[in-house]
Structure formats: structure tokens, C-alpha cells
Protein backbone atom coordinates (compact mmCIF):
# COMPACT_ATOMS: atom_id res chain seq x y z
CA UNK A 1 84.42 106.33 128.45
CA UNK A 2 84.76 106.49 132.33
CA UNK A 3 88.06 107.10 133.86
CA UNK A 4 89.16 104.01 135.24
CA UNK A 5 90.08 105.49 138.55
CA UNK A 6 86.57 106.07 139.13
CA UNK A 7 85.61 101.91 138.65
CA UNK A 8 88.88 100.87 141.08
CA UNK A 9 88.61 100.62 144.87
CA UNK A 10 91.95 100.28 147.08
CA UNK A 11 90.93 97.50 149.36
CA UNK A 12 93.33 96.54 152.27
CA UNK A 13 94.74 93.52 150.55
CA UNK A 14 97.43 94.58 147.57
CA UNK A 15 96.38 90.72 145.69
CA UNK A 16 92.72 92.01 145.21
CA UNK A 17 91.16 94.29 142.80
CA UNK A 18 87.47 95.62 143.37
CA UNK A 19 86.11 96.86 139.94
CA UNK A 20 82.72 98.39 140.24
CA UNK A 21 80.31 98.89 137.09
CA UNK A 22 78.58 102.55 137.15
CA UNK A 23 75.78 102.83 135.42
CA UNK A 24 74.47 100.81 132.41
CA UNK A 25 76.07 98.21 131.39
CA UNK A 26 74.88 97.99 127.98
CA UNK A 27 76.10 97.81 124.08
CA UNK A 28 77.04 101.21 123.80
CA UNK A 29 80.11 100.92 126.93
CA UNK A 30 80.45 97.03 127.46
CA UNK A 31 83.37 96.69 125.08
CA UNK A 32 85.37 99.35 126.44
CA UNK A 33 85.67 97.54 130.16
CA UNK A 34 86.49 94.18 128.19
CA UNK A 35 89.46 96.50 126.61
CA UNK A 36 90.12 97.21 130.24
CA UNK A 37 90.74 93.61 130.92
CA UNK A 38 92.77 92.48 128.28
CA UNK A 39 94.90 95.56 127.90
CA UNK A 40 95.84 96.92 131.39
CA UNK A 41 99.00 95.25 132.78
CA UNK A 42 98.01 96.11 136.08
CA UNK A 43 94.85 93.62 136.60
CA UNK A 44 97.18 90.92 135.49
CA UNK A 45 98.86 91.72 138.94
CA UNK A 46 95.47 90.31 141.43
CA UNK A 47 94.57 86.79 142.92
CA UNK A 48 91.27 87.74 143.15
CA UNK A 49 89.12 90.05 141.24
CA UNK A 50 85.46 91.14 142.23
CA UNK A 51 83.30 92.90 140.06
CA UNK A 52 80.61 94.88 141.79
CA UNK A 53 77.84 95.92 139.98
CA UNK A 54 75.69 97.98 142.56
CA UNK A 55 75.91 100.54 140.81
CA UNK A 56 74.87 98.50 137.43
CA UNK A 57 70.49 99.35 137.26
CA UNK A 58 70.58 98.03 133.99
CA UNK A 59 71.78 95.37 131.39
CA UNK A 60 71.57 94.01 127.87
CA UNK A 61 72.07 91.10 125.77
CA UNK A 62 75.56 92.48 124.93
CA UNK A 63 76.39 94.01 128.71
CA UNK A 64 76.11 90.08 129.82
CA UNK A 65 78.41 88.96 126.74
CA UNK A 66 81.03 90.99 128.00
CA UNK A 67 80.78 90.54 131.51
CA UNK A 68 81.01 86.75 130.22
CA UNK A 69 84.07 88.33 128.20
CA UNK A 70 85.60 89.39 131.49
CA UNK A 71 85.18 86.16 133.53
CA UNK A 72 86.64 84.09 130.58
CA UNK A 73 89.90 86.71 130.83
CA UNK A 74 90.54 86.62 134.13
CA UNK A 75 89.78 82.96 134.54
CA UNK A 76 91.82 82.69 131.99
CA UNK A 77 95.01 83.77 133.60
CA UNK A 78 94.27 81.68 136.41
CA UNK A 79 92.89 84.81 138.81
CA UNK A 80 89.38 83.89 140.65
CA UNK A 81 86.39 85.81 139.90
CA UNK A 82 83.81 86.86 142.31
CA UNK A 83 80.73 88.85 141.64
CA UNK A 84 79.07 91.23 144.00
CA UNK A 85 76.21 93.18 144.26
CA UNK A 86 73.70 92.52 141.79
CA UNK A 87 70.33 93.78 141.73
CA UNK A 88 67.19 91.39 142.16
CA UNK A 89 66.26 91.57 138.35
CA UNK A 90 69.69 91.61 136.70
CA UNK A 91 70.61 88.24 138.62
CA UNK A 92 67.76 86.61 137.31
CA UNK A 93 68.21 87.51 133.63
CA UNK A 94 71.96 86.80 134.33
CA UNK A 95 70.86 83.12 135.06
CA UNK A 96 69.12 83.11 131.97
CA UNK A 97 71.68 84.09 129.51
CA UNK A 98 74.60 84.01 130.72
CA UNK A 99 76.78 81.44 130.50
CA UNK A 100 79.17 81.31 133.91
CA UNK A 101 76.69 83.36 135.49
CA UNK A 102 74.87 80.13 137.25
CA UNK A 103 78.66 78.16 137.78
CA UNK A 104 80.26 81.06 140.21
CA UNK A 105 76.42 81.13 141.85
CA UNK A 106 76.88 77.31 142.35
CA UNK A 107 80.68 77.70 143.27
CA UNK A 108 79.58 80.46 145.81
CA UNK A 109 81.53 83.32 144.16
CA UNK A 110 78.01 85.39 144.03
CA UNK A 111 77.94 87.42 146.83
CA UNK A 112 74.69 89.83 148.15
CA UNK A 113 76.80 92.37 149.31
CA UNK A 114 80.57 93.28 148.27
CA UNK A 115 81.57 93.48 152.43
CA UNK A 116 80.29 89.66 152.42
CA UNK A 117 82.94 89.12 149.51
CA UNK A 118 85.46 90.59 151.51
CA UNK A 119 84.45 88.73 154.71
CA UNK A 120 85.21 85.24 152.77
CA UNK A 121 88.20 86.36 151.36
CA UNK A 122 89.66 87.34 154.93
CA UNK A 123 89.67 91.66 154.49
CA UNK A 124 88.12 92.83 158.02
CA UNK A 125 85.67 95.13 157.43
CA UNK A 126 87.95 98.74 158.98
CA UNK A 127 90.03 97.85 155.69
CA UNK A 128 87.28 98.93 153.47
């Protein structure tokens, strides 16, 4: 299991968490990501969580199910969820299979780059 600190990035706003996936999101590791969102008290204090997938070169069906579960957990706590920096091939896969992705995309909560998501949230580029 990856070190949790390597997945988190501090930005210029204490209400926003940037969670970066590093490596493939597949059967072997996807449950550990879900468990972090289920059990970590520190995640509950944020108003918005950005899931950054730039470092995720591949995803399987279990990974998609886990991503959907994370979205459900975050939204279930009343937090805003944003997805960013997704590989185009993964986007197509998510559009086809994920039960949450198209809804988030239609709501404008999917961004090509994390910097655009942060700009949308009012975070200036110099705070990254």
C-alpha cells in the first residue's frame, strides 16, 4: 500500500483536498483507496475533494467501481467532488461503465487539468 502522504498535496486553501492517484487503479490496490476515504477522519474536514488521475495510466472494472464508491462516500458526506487530469482512453472507459462519471462531467465537475479545477474553485496559480 502506498504511503498516504504521497497521495495528498497541500494547496492554498484549507477547505480543499487534492488527492492524487499514482499508478494503476486496479483490483490489487483499489480497495486501499476506498478504505482511506471511509476511515480517515482528516478527509471529512474538507468542503471539496479533487481526485487527480494524472498519475493513473490504467484502470480496470474494479478500479472504476472503487472510484464510483469514493464519489458516493464524498458526496454522501455533503462534500463537493471534482475529477481532473484523466487520460483520454480512461475517460472513454469511464463514460461507458462508471455510474457517476457522466453525471459529474455534465455538472462541470471534470477538468482536463488540475490547475483548471483549482481556478474554478478560486485558487490562484501561485498557491499551488
